[in-house]
Amino acid sequence: MTRVLVVTNDFPPRQGGIQTFVAALLDRLPAEDLVVLASTSPGAAEHDETLPYRVVRLPTSVLLPTRGAARAAQHLAREHRADTVVFGAAAPLGLLAPGLRRAGVRRLVGITHGHETGWVALPGARQLLQRIASGLDVLTFISQYTHDRLAPAVGARTTMTQLSPGVDVEVFHPGVEGAGVRAEHGLGDAPVVVCVSRLVPRKGQDVLVEGWPQVLARHPRARLLLVGGGPSEGRLRRAVADAGLGDSVVLTGGVPAARLPAYYAAGDVFAMPCRTRRGGLDVEGLGMVFLEAAACGLPVVAGTSGGAPEAVQDGVTGRVVDPRSPSAVAAAVADLLDDPARARAMGGAGRAWVEQRWSWTTIARDLTRLLAAQPRA
């Protein structure tokens, strides 16, 4: 039996990809052996009442490796008799590792999510990550790309193991009904290209909009459905209006997570031409939306940023294209709309691949093995 303490700043009800990843991992662990130390956020008390495991919240909106957090973590580790501690994000909370080891914890695991690849490009942050790695038994990575960026900095300081996010294949599946979303947004029976993501420059919605007239030239009835909110929303709406695309491009704004499967299901093709920005500091670690779309039976068009190509089997489950080229993106999308049978075959291959490689059942087995392994000598 492994008793686990999870120390995390990223935890629901606060929303975000890391929060979702951490919560989904914990749902796969025995509740009686688990306790969580987290920051607080609006609605936290009500949320925690629904969980089968204990959550202790510190009265701060950002959990940092302070003396107070160190004392709280060590106290909770002793009280819970935890032999393993998992840091929901290794940086910076992994700095608490040495004190927890002195408190009797035998195994310390730090999870990385992709943004750490930017840390290793900055001298001070790189040294901090090296210090964190030195106190851990395991540092996880989500993709081969993130491993290859982190490994030179981490060196032999710790063991690196892949632990990627997973897809709930019972929630994201080809049988999800998308007709309601089509009706809500006036899409009718038109061919629909859908993009589900935050509206930020890295995700490439601006490239989709710029290339959209080329898709319309081949498929005049096609519609582009941009799902999500974010700082680029105003700029994208202006670009759509300026290009006279208001009749064929729909921006939905933010959508509750529970409705996202239906938005995927409203599409015929999924596209997110993500690109690396800021000299490699702003990069896609993996791209779970590609896998969620594939789980729903959609072919996907992805950009080349970071680990995104690892979420697509190019030519089998979709296409990987140059995200800097609106013409290349538009051609890949239009080609799939040209050949619905090929698009459906890619979607079917994507669904099978997600079930085999990326389902939470597979990821849960990886996590169980990771927590059960012996600590470093």
Protein backbone atom coordinates (compact mmCIF):
# COMPACT_ATOMS: atom_id res chain seq x y z
CA MET A 1 0.00 0.00 0.00
CA THR A 2 1.36 3.42 -1.02
CA ARG A 3 0.13 6.41 0.96
CA VAL A 4 0.36 9.53 -1.19
CA LEU A 5 0.46 13.24 -0.43
CA VAL A 6 -0.08 15.50 -3.44
CA VAL A 7 1.19 19.08 -3.10
CA THR A 8 -0.21 21.30 -5.82
CA ASN A 9 -1.05 24.87 -6.64
CA ASP A 10 -3.03 23.69 -9.68
CA PHE A 11 -6.26 22.10 -8.56
CA PRO A 12 -9.99 22.49 -9.28
CA PRO A 13 -12.28 24.31 -9.08
CA ARG A 14 -9.72 26.62 -10.67
CA GLN A 15 -9.78 25.79 -14.38
CA GLY A 16 -6.90 24.99 -16.68
CA GLY A 17 -5.08 22.18 -18.38
CA ILE A 18 -2.75 21.42 -15.46
CA GLN A 19 -5.67 21.44 -13.00
CA THR A 20 -7.58 18.99 -15.19
CA PHE A 21 -4.53 16.74 -15.56
CA VAL A 22 -3.80 16.63 -11.84
CA ALA A 23 -7.43 16.01 -10.85
CA ALA A 24 -7.79 13.24 -13.42
CA LEU A 25 -4.66 11.52 -12.12
CA LEU A 26 -5.96 11.62 -8.56
CA ASP A 27 -9.29 10.14 -9.62
CA ARG A 28 -7.33 7.00 -10.54
CA LEU A 29 -5.73 6.56 -7.10
CA PRO A 30 -7.25 4.80 -4.06
CA ALA A 31 -9.04 7.60 -2.20
CA GLU A 32 -8.29 6.17 1.24
CA ASP A 33 -4.54 6.40 0.60
CA LEU A 34 -4.59 9.96 -0.74
CA VAL A 35 -4.45 13.47 0.72
CA VAL A 36 -3.98 16.77 -1.14
CA LEU A 37 -2.39 20.03 0.01
CA ALA A 38 -3.48 22.85 -2.30
CA SER A 39 -4.03 26.57 -2.63
CA THR A 40 -7.53 27.95 -2.35
CA SER A 41 -9.85 29.49 -4.94
CA PRO A 42 -13.49 30.58 -5.11
CA GLY A 43 -15.79 27.58 -4.66
CA ALA A 44 -13.05 25.39 -3.20
CA ALA A 45 -14.99 24.30 -0.10
CA GLU A 46 -18.03 23.24 -2.11
CA HIS A 47 -15.84 21.44 -4.63
CA ASP A 48 -13.87 19.54 -2.00
CA GLU A 49 -17.06 18.22 -0.39
CA THR A 50 -17.70 16.21 -3.56
CA LEU A 51 -14.33 14.43 -3.48
CA PRO A 52 -13.73 10.97 -1.98
CA TYR A 53 -10.32 11.98 -0.61
CA ARG A 54 -9.20 14.65 1.85
CA VAL A 55 -8.09 18.08 0.63
CA VAL A 56 -6.31 20.59 2.89
CA ARG A 57 -6.28 24.16 1.59
CA LEU A 58 -3.79 26.79 2.66
CA PRO A 59 -5.23 30.34 2.81
CA THR A 60 -3.43 31.56 -0.30
CA SER A 61 -4.39 31.79 -3.96
CA VAL A 62 -0.87 30.79 -5.04
CA LEU A 63 0.93 27.95 -3.28
CA LEU A 64 4.67 28.64 -3.27
CA PRO A 65 7.57 26.83 -1.52
CA THR A 66 7.53 29.14 1.50
CA ARG A 67 8.42 28.21 5.07
CA GLY A 68 4.73 28.09 5.93
CA ALA A 69 3.99 25.75 3.04
CA ALA A 70 6.96 23.59 4.00
CA ARG A 71 5.73 23.26 7.58
CA ALA A 72 2.20 22.44 6.42
CA ALA A 73 3.42 19.83 3.93
CA GLN A 74 5.70 18.14 6.45
CA HIS A 75 2.97 18.10 9.10
CA LEU A 76 0.47 16.61 6.68
CA ALA A 77 2.99 14.02 5.47
CA ARG A 78 3.57 12.83 9.04
CA GLU A 79 -0.13 12.90 9.92
CA HIS A 80 -1.06 10.96 6.78
CA ARG A 81 1.98 8.67 7.13
CA ALA A 82 2.76 9.41 3.50
CA ASP A 83 5.61 7.45 1.98
CA THR A 84 5.25 9.19 -1.40
CA VAL A 85 4.80 12.85 -2.30
CA VAL A 86 3.74 14.02 -5.75
CA PHE A 87 4.18 17.65 -6.76
CA GLY A 88 1.39 18.60 -9.17
CA ALA A 89 3.89 20.88 -10.90
CA ALA A 90 7.53 20.25 -10.10
CA ALA A 91 8.54 23.88 -10.50
CA PRO A 92 8.68 25.55 -8.07
CA LEU A 93 7.00 23.37 -5.41
CA GLY A 94 9.65 20.68 -5.82
CA LEU A 95 11.89 22.91 -3.70
CA LEU A 96 9.95 21.47 -0.73
CA ALA A 97 11.34 17.98 -1.44
CA PRO A 98 14.41 17.96 0.88
CA GLY A 99 12.34 18.95 3.93
CA LEU A 100 9.74 16.30 3.15
CA ARG A 101 12.43 13.67 2.84
CA ARG A 102 13.70 14.66 6.27
CA ALA A 103 10.12 14.26 7.48
CA GLY A 104 10.22 10.59 6.47
CA VAL A 105 8.91 10.60 2.90
CA ARG A 106 10.63 7.86 0.91
CA ARG A 107 9.71 8.76 -2.68
CA LEU A 108 9.33 12.19 -4.28
CA VAL A 109 7.84 12.70 -7.74
CA GLY A 110 7.60 15.97 -9.66
CA ILE A 111 5.29 16.37 -12.67
CA THR A 112 6.16 18.65 -15.57
CA HIS A 113 3.64 19.93 -18.10
CA GLY A 114 5.54 21.63 -20.92
CA HIS A 115 6.08 25.20 -19.77
CA GLU A 116 9.24 24.05 -18.02
CA THR A 117 10.89 23.78 -21.44
CA GLY A 118 10.96 27.56 -21.40
CA TRP A 119 12.62 27.55 -17.99
CA VAL A 120 15.68 25.68 -19.25
CA ALA A 121 16.35 28.46 -21.77
CA LEU A 122 16.76 31.03 -18.97
CA PRO A 123 19.93 30.73 -16.83
CA GLY A 124 18.36 31.47 -13.44
CA ALA A 125 15.30 29.29 -14.04
CA ARG A 126 17.50 26.52 -15.44
CA GLN A 127 19.54 26.45 -12.23
CA LEU A 128 16.35 26.38 -10.18
CA LEU A 129 15.03 23.42 -12.17
CA GLN A 130 18.34 21.62 -11.66
CA ARG A 131 18.06 22.21 -7.92
CA ILE A 132 14.50 20.87 -7.91
CA ALA A 133 15.49 17.78 -9.91
CA SER A 134 18.29 17.01 -7.45
CA GLY A 135 15.74 16.58 -4.66
CA LEU A 136 13.39 14.28 -6.58
CA ASP A 137 13.41 10.57 -7.27
CA VAL A 138 11.47 11.06 -10.51
CA LEU A 139 10.75 13.96 -12.82
CA THR A 140 7.98 13.21 -15.32
CA PHE A 141 7.60 14.55 -18.86
CA ILE A 142 4.56 14.64 -21.13
CA SER A 143 6.16 14.13 -24.55
CA GLN A 144 9.44 13.20 -26.18
CA TYR A 145 9.85 16.83 -27.15
CA THR A 146 9.67 18.02 -23.54
CA HIS A 147 12.01 15.22 -22.47
CA ASP A 148 14.58 16.25 -25.05
CA ARG A 149 14.42 19.88 -23.91
CA LEU A 150 14.62 19.07 -20.19
CA ALA A 151 17.09 16.19 -20.16
CA PRO A 152 20.27 18.18 -20.93
CA ALA A 153 19.52 20.48 -18.00
CA VAL A 154 18.46 17.73 -15.60
CA GLY A 155 21.32 15.39 -16.45
CA ALA A 156 21.80 12.56 -13.96
CA ARG A 157 20.23 14.48 -11.08
CA THR A 158 17.06 12.37 -11.16
CA THR A 159 15.22 9.71 -13.17
CA MET A 160 12.97 10.94 -15.97
CA THR A 161 9.76 9.03 -16.80
CA GLN A 162 6.94 9.79 -19.23
CA LEU A 163 3.56 10.56 -17.70
CA SER A 164 1.28 12.15 -20.26
CA PRO A 165 -2.26 13.44 -19.84
CA GLY A 166 -4.95 10.99 -20.84
CA VAL A 167 -8.30 11.12 -22.61
CA ASP A 168 -11.54 9.91 -21.04
CA VAL A 169 -12.67 7.74 -23.94
CA GLU A 170 -16.08 7.29 -22.33
CA VAL A 171 -16.67 11.07 -22.51
CA PHE A 172 -14.93 11.82 -25.81
CA HIS A 173 -16.19 9.29 -28.35
CA PRO A 174 -17.65 9.17 -31.89
CA GLY A 175 -21.20 8.68 -30.61
CA VAL A 176 -21.39 12.13 -29.00
CA GLU A 177 -24.22 14.18 -30.50
CA GLY A 178 -23.18 17.45 -32.13
CA ALA A 179 -26.49 18.43 -33.73
CA GLY A 180 -27.43 20.71 -30.84
CA VAL A 181 -24.24 22.73 -31.22
CA ARG A 182 -24.78 22.97 -34.97
CA ALA A 183 -28.31 24.25 -34.41
CA GLU A 184 -27.20 26.69 -31.69
CA HIS A 185 -24.65 28.32 -33.99
CA GLY A 186 -26.59 28.10 -37.24
CA LEU A 187 -24.23 25.64 -38.90
CA GLY A 188 -26.92 23.44 -40.44
CA ASP A 189 -25.46 20.58 -42.47
CA ALA A 190 -22.44 22.56 -43.70
CA PRO A 191 -18.94 21.05 -43.58
CA VAL A 192 -17.48 22.28 -40.27
CA VAL A 193 -13.85 22.76 -39.28
CA VAL A 194 -13.58 23.08 -35.51
CA CYS A 195 -10.79 24.39 -33.30
CA VAL A 196 -11.09 23.99 -29.52
CA SER A 197 -8.53 25.97 -27.54
CA ARG A 198 -7.78 29.16 -25.68
CA LEU A 199 -7.56 32.09 -28.03
CA VAL A 200 -3.88 32.94 -27.75
CA PRO A 201 -1.33 33.51 -30.54
CA ARG A 202 0.47 30.18 -30.07
CA LYS A 203 -2.65 28.18 -30.97
CA GLY A 204 -2.81 29.60 -34.50
CA GLN A 205 -6.47 30.59 -34.82
CA ASP A 206 -5.27 33.69 -36.68
CA VAL A 207 -3.65 31.46 -39.31
CA LEU A 208 -6.90 29.54 -39.72
CA VAL A 209 -8.76 32.80 -40.29
CA GLU A 210 -6.14 34.10 -42.71
CA GLY A 211 -6.26 30.90 -44.76
CA TRP A 212 -10.02 30.46 -44.55
CA PRO A 213 -10.83 32.21 -47.88
CA GLN A 214 -8.73 29.53 -49.60
CA VAL A 215 -10.86 26.82 -47.97
CA LEU A 216 -14.02 28.64 -49.04
CA ALA A 217 -12.75 28.78 -52.63
CA ARG A 218 -12.98 24.98 -52.70
CA HIS A 219 -15.85 24.55 -50.22
CA PRO A 220 -18.12 27.61 -50.31
CA ARG A 221 -20.54 26.19 -47.71
CA ALA A 222 -17.83 25.39 -45.13
CA ARG A 223 -17.90 26.90 -41.65
CA LEU A 224 -15.07 27.52 -39.19
CA LEU A 225 -16.01 27.08 -35.52
CA LEU A 226 -13.52 28.64 -33.08
CA VAL A 227 -14.33 27.37 -29.60
CA GLY A 228 -12.88 29.09 -26.53
CA GLY A 229 -12.08 32.46 -25.06
CA GLY A 230 -8.85 34.30 -24.42
CA PRO A 231 -6.86 37.47 -24.97
CA SER A 232 -6.85 37.12 -28.78
CA GLU A 233 -10.64 37.08 -29.06
CA GLY A 234 -11.07 40.76 -29.91
CA ARG A 235 -8.28 40.67 -32.48
CA LEU A 236 -9.75 37.56 -34.14
CA ARG A 237 -13.23 39.05 -34.30
CA ARG A 238 -11.83 42.13 -36.02
CA ALA A 239 -9.88 39.99 -38.47
CA VAL A 240 -13.03 38.03 -39.34
CA ALA A 241 -15.01 41.23 -39.85
CA ASP A 242 -12.29 42.93 -41.88
CA ALA A 243 -12.03 39.92 -44.20
CA GLY A 244 -15.80 39.75 -44.66
CA LEU A 245 -15.92 36.24 -43.15
CA GLY A 246 -18.69 36.85 -40.63
CA ASP A 247 -21.09 34.48 -42.40
CA SER A 248 -18.68 31.54 -42.30
CA VAL A 249 -16.57 31.95 -39.13
CA VAL A 250 -18.15 31.55 -35.68
CA LEU A 251 -16.40 32.44 -32.42
CA THR A 252 -18.26 30.84 -29.52
CA GLY A 253 -16.43 32.41 -26.59
CA GLY A 254 -15.73 30.28 -23.53
CA VAL A 255 -17.56 26.95 -23.28
CA PRO A 256 -18.07 24.82 -20.12
CA ALA A 257 -15.83 21.77 -20.08
CA ALA A 258 -18.83 19.44 -19.90
CA ARG A 259 -20.01 20.67 -23.31
CA LEU A 260 -16.71 20.34 -25.14
CA PRO A 261 -17.37 16.81 -26.50
CA ALA A 262 -20.47 18.11 -28.28
CA TYR A 263 -18.43 20.91 -29.85
CA TYR A 264 -15.89 18.43 -31.17
CA ALA A 265 -18.76 16.32 -32.46
CA ALA A 266 -20.17 19.29 -34.37
CA GLY A 267 -17.06 19.25 -36.59
CA ASP A 268 -15.97 17.21 -39.57
CA VAL A 269 -12.29 18.17 -39.26
CA PHE A 270 -10.32 19.46 -36.26
CA ALA A 271 -7.57 22.01 -36.88
CA MET A 272 -5.20 23.88 -34.57
CA PRO A 273 -2.03 25.05 -36.36
CA CYS A 274 -0.04 25.72 -33.19
CA ARG A 275 3.31 27.46 -33.61
CA THR A 276 6.32 28.09 -31.38
CA ARG A 277 6.84 31.70 -30.35
CA ARG A 278 9.21 33.91 -28.35
CA GLY A 279 12.33 32.06 -29.33
CA GLY A 280 11.04 28.75 -28.00
CA LEU A 281 9.69 30.09 -24.69
CA ASP A 282 6.06 29.77 -25.86
CA VAL A 283 5.63 26.24 -27.17
CA GLU A 284 3.06 23.42 -27.27
CA GLY A 285 4.06 20.67 -24.84
CA LEU A 286 1.78 18.01 -26.37
CA GLY A 287 -1.69 19.21 -27.39
CA MET A 288 -4.45 17.22 -25.70
CA VAL A 289 -7.09 18.76 -27.94
CA PHE A 290 -5.74 16.75 -30.88
CA LEU A 291 -6.24 13.54 -28.91
CA GLU A 292 -9.69 14.54 -27.66
CA ALA A 293 -10.73 15.32 -31.23
CA ALA A 294 -9.32 12.01 -32.44
CA ALA A 295 -11.19 10.20 -29.66
CA CYS A 296 -14.37 11.75 -31.08
CA GLY A 297 -13.51 10.31 -34.51
CA LEU A 298 -12.24 13.49 -36.19
CA PRO A 299 -9.19 13.76 -38.42
CA VAL A 300 -6.86 16.43 -37.10
CA VAL A 301 -4.62 19.10 -38.61
CA ALA A 302 -1.82 20.15 -36.26
CA GLY A 303 1.05 22.60 -36.33
CA THR A 304 4.66 21.64 -35.71
CA SER A 305 5.09 23.34 -32.33
CA GLY A 306 6.91 21.33 -29.68
CA GLY A 307 5.26 18.01 -28.88
CA ALA A 308 2.15 18.57 -31.01
CA PRO A 309 3.33 16.21 -33.80
CA GLU A 310 3.44 13.42 -31.20
CA ALA A 311 -0.34 13.75 -30.80
CA VAL A 312 -0.89 13.02 -34.51
CA GLN A 313 0.16 10.10 -36.68
CA ASP A 314 0.88 12.12 -39.80
CA GLY A 315 -0.97 10.68 -42.77
CA VAL A 316 -2.81 8.16 -40.57
CA THR A 317 -4.84 10.09 -37.98
CA GLY A 318 -4.41 13.52 -39.55
CA ARG A 319 -1.86 15.93 -40.94
CA VAL A 320 1.05 17.91 -39.45
CA VAL A 321 1.59 21.15 -41.37
CA ASP A 322 3.71 24.28 -41.33
CA PRO A 323 1.76 26.57 -38.98
CA ARG A 324 3.43 29.68 -40.42
CA SER A 325 1.78 29.12 -43.79
CA PRO A 326 -1.95 29.93 -44.07
CA SER A 327 -1.90 28.33 -47.53
CA ALA A 328 -0.46 25.04 -46.22
CA VAL A 329 -2.97 24.94 -43.39
CA ALA A 330 -5.87 25.75 -45.71
CA ALA A 331 -4.77 23.10 -48.22
CA ALA A 332 -4.59 20.39 -45.55
CA VAL A 333 -8.06 21.29 -44.27
CA ALA A 334 -9.58 21.52 -47.76
CA ASP A 335 -8.02 18.20 -48.79
CA LEU A 336 -9.81 16.48 -45.91
CA LEU A 337 -13.09 18.17 -46.79
CA ASP A 338 -12.55 17.03 -50.41
CA ASP A 339 -12.46 13.38 -49.38
CA PRO A 340 -14.97 12.60 -46.58
CA ALA A 341 -14.23 8.87 -46.79
CA ARG A 342 -10.52 9.47 -46.15
CA ALA A 343 -11.35 11.89 -43.36
CA ARG A 344 -13.59 9.29 -41.70
CA ALA A 345 -10.86 6.66 -42.01
CA MET A 346 -8.37 8.97 -40.34
CA GLY A 347 -10.89 9.68 -37.60
CA GLY A 348 -11.40 5.95 -37.04
CA ALA A 349 -7.65 5.37 -36.89
CA GLY A 350 -7.33 8.23 -34.43
CA ARG A 351 -10.01 6.78 -32.17
CA ALA A 352 -8.30 3.37 -32.13
CA TRP A 353 -4.91 4.96 -31.38
CA VAL A 354 -6.28 7.02 -28.49
CA GLU A 355 -7.95 3.95 -26.98
CA GLN A 356 -4.70 2.01 -27.21
CA ARG A 357 -2.14 4.66 -26.23
CA TRP A 358 -3.77 7.71 -24.66
CA SER A 359 -6.76 6.57 -22.61
CA TRP A 360 -6.80 7.18 -18.88
CA THR A 361 -6.78 3.40 -18.38
CA THR A 362 -3.31 3.29 -19.92
CA ILE A 363 -2.10 6.42 -18.13
CA ALA A 364 -3.41 5.11 -14.78
CA ARG A 365 -1.30 1.97 -15.18
CA ASP A 366 1.74 4.17 -15.84
CA LEU A 367 0.99 6.18 -12.69
CA THR A 368 0.53 3.08 -10.53
CA ARG A 369 3.88 1.68 -11.67
CA LEU A 370 5.54 5.03 -11.09
CA LEU A 371 4.29 5.33 -7.51
CA ALA A 372 5.05 1.71 -6.66
CA ALA A 373 8.68 1.82 -7.85
CA GLN A 374 11.51 1.85 -5.35
CA PRO A 375 13.11 5.20 -4.49
CA ARG A 376 16.60 6.03 -5.63
CA ALA A 377 19.40 4.65 -3.52
